[in-house]
């Protein structure tokens, strides 16, 4: 299965979050948004370099910098 940054993941794809390419502060920021490693999310929209994702009925918009640092494993 492919592992891609969220900004390169096609719309409508479901992924499992597997890596965060950032420091402790970035990890805390993702946790505050409800995004942790192992979580399953769906890419809903691309907005420039940023993305809008859905997790358990909630939508989260991520800017391009954050979307590049969050990597997901594509689920079938």
PDB file of N, CA and C in Angstrom:
ATOM      1  N   UNK A   1       0.831  -1.176   0.000  1.00  0.00           N
ATOM      2  CA  UNK A   1       0.000   0.000   0.000  1.00  0.00           C
ATOM      3  C   UNK A   1       0.881   1.246   0.000  1.00  0.00           C
ATOM      4  N   UNK A   2       0.415   2.261  -0.672  1.00  0.00           N
ATOM      5  CA  UNK A   2       1.193   3.484  -0.825  1.00  0.00           C
ATOM      6  C   UNK A   2       1.073   4.367   0.411  1.00  0.00           C
ATOM      7  N   UNK A   3       2.180   5.030   0.731  1.00  0.00           N
ATOM      8  CA  UNK A   3       2.195   6.019   1.807  1.00  0.00           C
ATOM      9  C   UNK A   3       2.483   7.372   1.165  1.00  0.00           C
ATOM     10  N   UNK A   4       1.525   8.306   1.316  1.00  0.00           N
ATOM     11  CA  UNK A   4       1.606   9.613   0.672  1.00  0.00           C
ATOM     12  C   UNK A   4       1.371  10.727   1.679  1.00  0.00           C
ATOM     13  N   UNK A   5       1.954  11.907   1.434  1.00  0.00           N
ATOM     14  CA  UNK A   5       1.546  13.069   2.219  1.00  0.00           C
ATOM     15  C   UNK A   5       0.098  13.410   1.872  1.00  0.00           C
ATOM     16  N   UNK A   6      -0.638  13.980   2.797  1.00  0.00           N
ATOM     17  CA  UNK A   6      -2.058  14.236   2.551  1.00  0.00           C
ATOM     18  C   UNK A   6      -2.294  15.193   1.390  1.00  0.00           C
ATOM     19  N   UNK A   7      -1.362  16.122   1.136  1.00  0.00           N
ATOM     20  CA  UNK A   7      -1.576  17.054   0.029  1.00  0.00           C
ATOM     21  C   UNK A   7      -1.423  16.390  -1.341  1.00  0.00           C
ATOM     22  N   UNK A   8      -0.878  15.174  -1.401  1.00  0.00           N
ATOM     23  CA  UNK A   8      -0.752  14.429  -2.658  1.00  0.00           C
ATOM     24  C   UNK A   8      -1.756  13.283  -2.767  1.00  0.00           C
ATOM     25  N   UNK A   9      -2.581  13.113  -1.758  1.00  0.00           N
ATOM     26  CA  UNK A   9      -3.568  12.025  -1.740  1.00  0.00           C
ATOM     27  C   UNK A   9      -4.793  12.445  -2.530  1.00  0.00           C
ATOM     28  N   UNK A  10      -5.274  11.598  -3.457  1.00  0.00           N
ATOM     29  CA  UNK A  10      -6.449  11.962  -4.266  1.00  0.00           C
ATOM     30  C   UNK A  10      -7.711  12.145  -3.425  1.00  0.00           C
ATOM     31  N   UNK A  11      -8.593  13.010  -3.895  1.00  0.00           N
ATOM     32  CA  UNK A  11      -9.881  13.258  -3.236  1.00  0.00           C
ATOM     33  C   UNK A  11     -10.682  11.958  -3.202  1.00  0.00           C
ATOM     34  N   UNK A  12     -11.349  11.711  -2.083  1.00  0.00           N
ATOM     35  CA  UNK A  12     -12.170  10.517  -1.924  1.00  0.00           C
ATOM     36  C   UNK A  12     -11.412   9.316  -1.389  1.00  0.00           C
ATOM     37  N   UNK A  13     -10.111   9.449  -1.193  1.00  0.00           N
ATOM     38  CA  UNK A  13      -9.287   8.350  -0.702  1.00  0.00           C
ATOM     39  C   UNK A  13      -9.309   8.299   0.814  1.00  0.00           C
ATOM     40  N   UNK A  14      -9.422   7.090   1.352  1.00  0.00           N
ATOM     41  CA  UNK A  14      -9.339   6.895   2.798  1.00  0.00           C
ATOM     42  C   UNK A  14      -7.922   6.449   3.124  1.00  0.00           C
ATOM     43  N   UNK A  15      -7.365   7.053   4.178  1.00  0.00           N
ATOM     44  CA  UNK A  15      -5.996   6.737   4.589  1.00  0.00           C
ATOM     45  C   UNK A  15      -5.928   6.529   6.092  1.00  0.00           C
ATOM     46  N   UNK A  16      -4.913   5.774   6.515  1.00  0.00           N
ATOM     47  CA  UNK A  16      -4.598   5.619   7.933  1.00  0.00           C
ATOM     48  C   UNK A  16      -3.344   6.447   8.184  1.00  0.00           C
ATOM     49  N   UNK A  17      -3.388   7.339   9.150  1.00  0.00           N
ATOM     50  CA  UNK A  17      -2.256   8.206   9.438  1.00  0.00           C
ATOM     51  C   UNK A  17      -1.123   7.384  10.048  1.00  0.00           C
ATOM     52  N   UNK A  18       0.063   7.457   9.414  1.00  0.00           N
ATOM     53  CA  UNK A  18       1.176   6.606   9.848  1.00  0.00           C
ATOM     54  C   UNK A  18       2.419   7.380  10.257  1.00  0.00           C
ATOM     55  N   UNK A  19       2.546   8.656   9.877  1.00  0.00           N
ATOM     56  CA  UNK A  19       3.761   9.397  10.224  1.00  0.00           C
ATOM     57  C   UNK A  19       3.492  10.892  10.251  1.00  0.00           C
ATOM     58  N   UNK A  20       4.211  11.563  11.140  1.00  0.00           N
ATOM     59  CA  UNK A  20       4.187  13.022  11.205  1.00  0.00           C
ATOM     60  C   UNK A  20       5.632  13.484  11.080  1.00  0.00           C
ATOM     61  N   UNK A  21       5.924  14.218  10.019  1.00  0.00           N
ATOM     62  CA  UNK A  21       7.282  14.715   9.780  1.00  0.00           C
ATOM     63  C   UNK A  21       7.446  16.080  10.438  1.00  0.00           C
ATOM     64  N   UNK A  22       7.496  16.078  11.740  1.00  0.00           N
ATOM     65  CA  UNK A  22       7.608  17.344  12.455  1.00  0.00           C
ATOM     66  C   UNK A  22       7.991  17.113  13.903  1.00  0.00           C
ATOM     67  N   UNK A  23       8.139  18.190  14.621  1.00  0.00           N
ATOM     68  CA  UNK A  23       8.550  18.132  16.014  1.00  0.00           C
ATOM     69  C   UNK A  23       7.387  17.963  16.974  1.00  0.00           C
ATOM     70  N   UNK A  24       7.718  18.110  18.224  1.00  0.00           N
ATOM     71  CA  UNK A  24       6.748  17.901  19.291  1.00  0.00           C
ATOM     72  C   UNK A  24       5.564  18.864  19.205  1.00  0.00           C
ATOM     73  N   UNK A  25       5.844  20.123  18.864  1.00  0.00           N
ATOM     74  CA  UNK A  25       4.756  21.105  18.772  1.00  0.00           C
ATOM     75  C   UNK A  25       3.762  20.735  17.684  1.00  0.00           C
ATOM     76  N   UNK A  26       4.257  20.279  16.548  1.00  0.00           N
ATOM     77  CA  UNK A  26       3.365  19.896  15.460  1.00  0.00           C
ATOM     78  C   UNK A  26       2.528  18.680  15.849  1.00  0.00           C
ATOM     79  N   UNK A  27       3.152  17.719  16.512  1.00  0.00           N
ATOM     80  CA  UNK A  27       2.408  16.539  16.971  1.00  0.00           C
ATOM     81  C   UNK A  27       1.301  16.966  17.927  1.00  0.00           C
ATOM     82  N   UNK A  28       1.588  17.880  18.828  1.00  0.00           N
ATOM     83  CA  UNK A  28       0.566  18.382  19.762  1.00  0.00           C
ATOM     84  C   UNK A  28      -0.558  19.085  19.023  1.00  0.00           C
ATOM     85  N   UNK A  29      -0.210  19.842  17.989  1.00  0.00           N
ATOM     86  CA  UNK A  29      -1.228  20.552  17.194  1.00  0.00           C
ATOM     87  C   UNK A  29      -2.172  19.552  16.532  1.00  0.00           C
ATOM     88  N   UNK A  30      -1.608  18.496  15.937  1.00  0.00           N
ATOM     89  CA  UNK A  30      -2.453  17.477  15.319  1.00  0.00           C
ATOM     90  C   UNK A  30      -3.330  16.784  16.356  1.00  0.00           C
ATOM     91  N   UNK A  31      -2.763  16.491  17.520  1.00  0.00           N
ATOM     92  CA  UNK A  31      -3.560  15.861  18.579  1.00  0.00           C
ATOM     93  C   UNK A  31      -4.703  16.764  19.013  1.00  0.00           C
ATOM     94  N   UNK A  32      -4.468  18.070  19.072  1.00  0.00           N
ATOM     95  CA  UNK A  32      -5.531  18.997  19.469  1.00  0.00           C
ATOM     96  C   UNK A  32      -6.643  19.048  18.419  1.00  0.00           C
ATOM     97  N   UNK A  33      -6.321  18.712  17.178  1.00  0.00           N
ATOM     98  CA  UNK A  33      -7.326  18.657  16.109  1.00  0.00           C
ATOM     99  C   UNK A  33      -8.007  17.286  16.031  1.00  0.00           C
ATOM    100  N   UNK A  34      -7.603  16.364  16.911  1.00  0.00           N
ATOM    101  CA  UNK A  34      -8.183  15.031  16.917  1.00  0.00           C
ATOM    102  C   UNK A  34      -7.529  14.080  15.940  1.00  0.00           C
ATOM    103  N   UNK A  35      -6.329  14.416  15.461  1.00  0.00           N
ATOM    104  CA  UNK A  35      -5.620  13.586  14.489  1.00  0.00           C
ATOM    105  C   UNK A  35      -4.421  12.935  15.162  1.00  0.00           C
ATOM    106  N   UNK A  36      -4.474  11.623  15.309  1.00  0.00           N
ATOM    107  CA  UNK A  36      -3.371  10.888  15.915  1.00  0.00           C
ATOM    108  C   UNK A  36      -2.949   9.763  14.990  1.00  0.00           C
ATOM    109  N   UNK A  37      -1.766   9.240  15.212  1.00  0.00           N
ATOM    110  CA  UNK A  37      -1.290   8.136  14.389  1.00  0.00           C
ATOM    111  C   UNK A  37      -2.235   6.946  14.546  1.00  0.00           C
ATOM    112  N   UNK A  38      -2.538   6.301  13.439  1.00  0.00           N
ATOM    113  CA  UNK A  38      -3.460   5.178  13.443  1.00  0.00           C
ATOM    114  C   UNK A  38      -4.893   5.565  13.120  1.00  0.00           C
ATOM    115  N   UNK A  39      -5.203   6.868  13.149  1.00  0.00           N
ATOM    116  CA  UNK A  39      -6.556   7.328  12.844  1.00  0.00           C
ATOM    117  C   UNK A  39      -6.835   7.166  11.351  1.00  0.00           C
ATOM    118  N   UNK A  40      -8.082   6.849  11.022  1.00  0.00           N
ATOM    119  CA  UNK A  40      -8.489   6.733   9.625  1.00  0.00           C
ATOM    120  C   UNK A  40      -9.259   7.980   9.233  1.00  0.00           C
ATOM    121  N   UNK A  41      -8.833   8.604   8.129  1.00  0.00           N
ATOM    122  CA  UNK A  41      -9.457   9.831   7.644  1.00  0.00           C
ATOM    123  C   UNK A  41      -9.719   9.703   6.149  1.00  0.00           C
ATOM    124  N   UNK A  42     -10.611  10.553   5.648  1.00  0.00           N
ATOM    125  CA  UNK A  42     -10.912  10.602   4.213  1.00  0.00           C
ATOM    126  C   UNK A  42     -10.606  12.002   3.699  1.00  0.00           C
ATOM    127  N   UNK A  43      -9.928  12.075   2.557  1.00  0.00           N
ATOM    128  CA  UNK A  43      -9.617  13.363   1.936  1.00  0.00           C
ATOM    129  C   UNK A  43     -10.860  13.823   1.178  1.00  0.00           C
ATOM    130  N   UNK A  44     -11.402  14.992   1.542  1.00  0.00           N
ATOM    131  CA  UNK A  44     -12.632  15.495   0.931  1.00  0.00           C
ATOM    132  C   UNK A  44     -12.380  16.502  -0.178  1.00  0.00           C
ATOM    133  N   UNK A  45     -11.448  17.433   0.042  1.00  0.00           N
ATOM    134  CA  UNK A  45     -11.188  18.506  -0.925  1.00  0.00           C
ATOM    135  C   UNK A  45      -9.718  18.870  -0.895  1.00  0.00           C
ATOM    136  N   UNK A  46      -9.250  19.375  -2.020  1.00  0.00           N
ATOM    137  CA  UNK A  46      -7.941  20.026  -2.074  1.00  0.00           C
ATOM    138  C   UNK A  46      -8.198  21.515  -2.228  1.00  0.00           C
ATOM    139  N   UNK A  47      -7.511  22.321  -1.446  1.00  0.00           N
ATOM    140  CA  UNK A  47      -7.650  23.776  -1.514  1.00  0.00           C
ATOM    141  C   UNK A  47      -6.250  24.342  -1.687  1.00  0.00           C
ATOM    142  N   UNK A  48      -5.819  24.467  -2.944  1.00  0.00           N
ATOM    143  CA  UNK A  48      -4.434  24.840  -3.196  1.00  0.00           C
ATOM    144  C   UNK A  48      -3.558  23.695  -2.740  1.00  0.00           C
ATOM    145  N   UNK A  49      -2.587  24.003  -1.872  1.00  0.00           N
ATOM    146  CA  UNK A  49      -1.753  22.935  -1.307  1.00  0.00           C
ATOM    147  C   UNK A  49      -2.404  22.292  -0.091  1.00  0.00           C
ATOM    148  N   UNK A  50      -3.405  22.935   0.483  1.00  0.00           N
ATOM    149  CA  UNK A  50      -4.072  22.427   1.674  1.00  0.00           C
ATOM    150  C   UNK A  50      -5.139  21.395   1.342  1.00  0.00           C
ATOM    151  N   UNK A  51      -5.658  20.756   2.372  1.00  0.00           N
ATOM    152  CA  UNK A  51      -6.700  19.746   2.195  1.00  0.00           C
ATOM    153  C   UNK A  51      -7.769  19.905   3.270  1.00  0.00           C
ATOM    154  N   UNK A  52      -8.944  19.380   2.970  1.00  0.00           N
ATOM    155  CA  UNK A  52     -10.010  19.236   3.958  1.00  0.00           C
ATOM    156  C   UNK A  52     -10.207  17.744   4.125  1.00  0.00           C
ATOM    157  N   UNK A  53     -10.148  17.275   5.379  1.00  0.00           N
ATOM    158  CA  UNK A  53     -10.304  15.847   5.647  1.00  0.00           C
ATOM    159  C   UNK A  53     -11.472  15.624   6.595  1.00  0.00           C
ATOM    160  N   UNK A  54     -11.985  14.404   6.589  1.00  0.00           N
ATOM    161  CA  UNK A  54     -13.078  14.028   7.490  1.00  0.00           C
ATOM    162  C   UNK A  54     -12.622  12.875   8.368  1.00  0.00           C
ATOM    163  N   UNK A  55     -12.962  12.975   9.653  1.00  0.00           N
ATOM    164  CA  UNK A  55     -12.687  11.901  10.597  1.00  0.00           C
ATOM    165  C   UNK A  55     -13.898  11.770  11.504  1.00  0.00           C
ATOM    166  N   UNK A  56     -14.561  10.637  11.431  1.00  0.00           N
ATOM    167  CA  UNK A  56     -15.712  10.338  12.289  1.00  0.00           C
ATOM    168  C   UNK A  56     -16.756  11.449  12.259  1.00  0.00           C
ATOM    169  N   UNK A  57     -17.086  11.942  11.076  1.00  0.00           N
ATOM    170  CA  UNK A  57     -18.125  12.951  10.938  1.00  0.00           C
ATOM    171  C   UNK A  57     -17.664  14.382  11.141  1.00  0.00           C
ATOM    172  N   UNK A  58     -16.423  14.582  11.543  1.00  0.00           N
ATOM    173  CA  UNK A  58     -15.874  15.927  11.723  1.00  0.00           C
ATOM    174  C   UNK A  58     -14.979  16.278  10.546  1.00  0.00           C
ATOM    175  N   UNK A  59     -15.001  17.548  10.150  1.00  0.00           N
ATOM    176  CA  UNK A  59     -14.140  18.014   9.066  1.00  0.00           C
ATOM    177  C   UNK A  59     -13.050  18.894   9.636  1.00  0.00           C
ATOM    178  N   UNK A  60     -11.851  18.732   9.083  1.00  0.00           N
ATOM    179  CA  UNK A  60     -10.703  19.529   9.514  1.00  0.00           C
ATOM    180  C   UNK A  60     -10.007  20.048   8.263  1.00  0.00           C
ATOM    181  N   UNK A  61      -9.759  21.349   8.224  1.00  0.00           N
ATOM    182  CA  UNK A  61      -9.015  21.952   7.121  1.00  0.00           C
ATOM    183  C   UNK A  61      -7.567  22.128   7.562  1.00  0.00           C
ATOM    184  N   UNK A  62      -6.644  21.642   6.740  1.00  0.00           N
ATOM    185  CA  UNK A  62      -5.218  21.751   7.021  1.00  0.00           C
ATOM    186  C   UNK A  62      -4.557  22.583   5.940  1.00  0.00           C
ATOM    187  N   UNK A  63      -3.691  23.491   6.329  1.00  0.00           N
ATOM    188  CA  UNK A  63      -2.926  24.268   5.373  1.00  0.00           C
ATOM    189  C   UNK A  63      -1.900  23.392   4.672  1.00  0.00           C
ATOM    190  N   UNK A  64      -1.305  23.918   3.628  1.00  0.00           N
ATOM    191  CA  UNK A  64      -0.349  23.158   2.829  1.00  0.00           C
ATOM    192  C   UNK A  64       0.836  22.647   3.616  1.00  0.00           C
ATOM    193  N   UNK A  65       1.386  23.467   4.500  1.00  0.00           N
ATOM    194  CA  UNK A  65       2.537  23.048   5.285  1.00  0.00           C
ATOM    195  C   UNK A  65       2.221  21.878   6.198  1.00  0.00           C
ATOM    196  N   UNK A  66       1.063  21.921   6.835  1.00  0.00           N
ATOM    197  CA  UNK A  66       0.671  20.827   7.725  1.00  0.00           C
ATOM    198  C   UNK A  66       0.325  19.575   6.926  1.00  0.00           C
ATOM    199  N   UNK A  67      -0.354  19.750   5.792  1.00  0.00           N
ATOM    200  CA  UNK A  67      -0.750  18.604   4.972  1.00  0.00           C
ATOM    201  C   UNK A  67       0.463  17.872   4.410  1.00  0.00           C
ATOM    202  N   UNK A  68       1.543  18.600   4.118  1.00  0.00           N
ATOM    203  CA  UNK A  68       2.765  17.968   3.611  1.00  0.00           C
ATOM    204  C   UNK A  68       3.435  17.098   4.662  1.00  0.00           C
ATOM    205  N   UNK A  69       3.286  17.468   5.935  1.00  0.00           N
ATOM    206  CA  UNK A  69       3.989  16.775   7.010  1.00  0.00           C
ATOM    207  C   UNK A  69       3.219  15.586   7.575  1.00  0.00           C
ATOM    208  N   UNK A  70       1.976  15.428   7.178  1.00  0.00           N
ATOM    209  CA  UNK A  70       1.148  14.329   7.672  1.00  0.00           C
ATOM    210  C   UNK A  70       1.044  13.277   6.577  1.00  0.00           C
ATOM    211  N   UNK A  71       1.525  12.065   6.867  1.00  0.00           N
ATOM    212  CA  UNK A  71       1.564  11.007   5.857  1.00  0.00           C
ATOM    213  C   UNK A  71       0.561   9.913   6.205  1.00  0.00           C
ATOM    214  N   UNK A  72      -0.093   9.412   5.157  1.00  0.00           N
ATOM    215  CA  UNK A  72      -1.101   8.379   5.351  1.00  0.00           C
ATOM    216  C   UNK A  72      -0.895   7.194   4.429  1.00  0.00           C
ATOM    217  N   UNK A  73      -1.290   6.030   4.916  1.00  0.00           N
ATOM    218  CA  UNK A  73      -1.238   4.793   4.152  1.00  0.00           C
ATOM    219  C   UNK A  73      -2.609   4.603   3.499  1.00  0.00           C
ATOM    220  N   UNK A  74      -2.633   4.492   2.188  1.00  0.00           N
ATOM    221  CA  UNK A  74      -3.891   4.372   1.445  1.00  0.00           C
ATOM    222  C   UNK A  74      -4.554   3.042   1.803  1.00  0.00           C
ATOM    223  N   UNK A  75      -5.851   3.110   2.149  1.00  0.00           N
ATOM    224  CA  UNK A  75      -6.628   1.917   2.477  1.00  0.00           C
ATOM    225  C   UNK A  75      -7.431   1.486   1.256  1.00  0.00           C
ATOM    226  N   UNK A  76      -7.663   0.211   1.132  1.00  0.00           N
ATOM    227  CA  UNK A  76      -8.450  -0.310   0.001  1.00  0.00           C
ATOM    228  C   UNK A  76      -9.919  -0.126   0.213  1.00  0.00           C
TER     229      UNK A  76
END
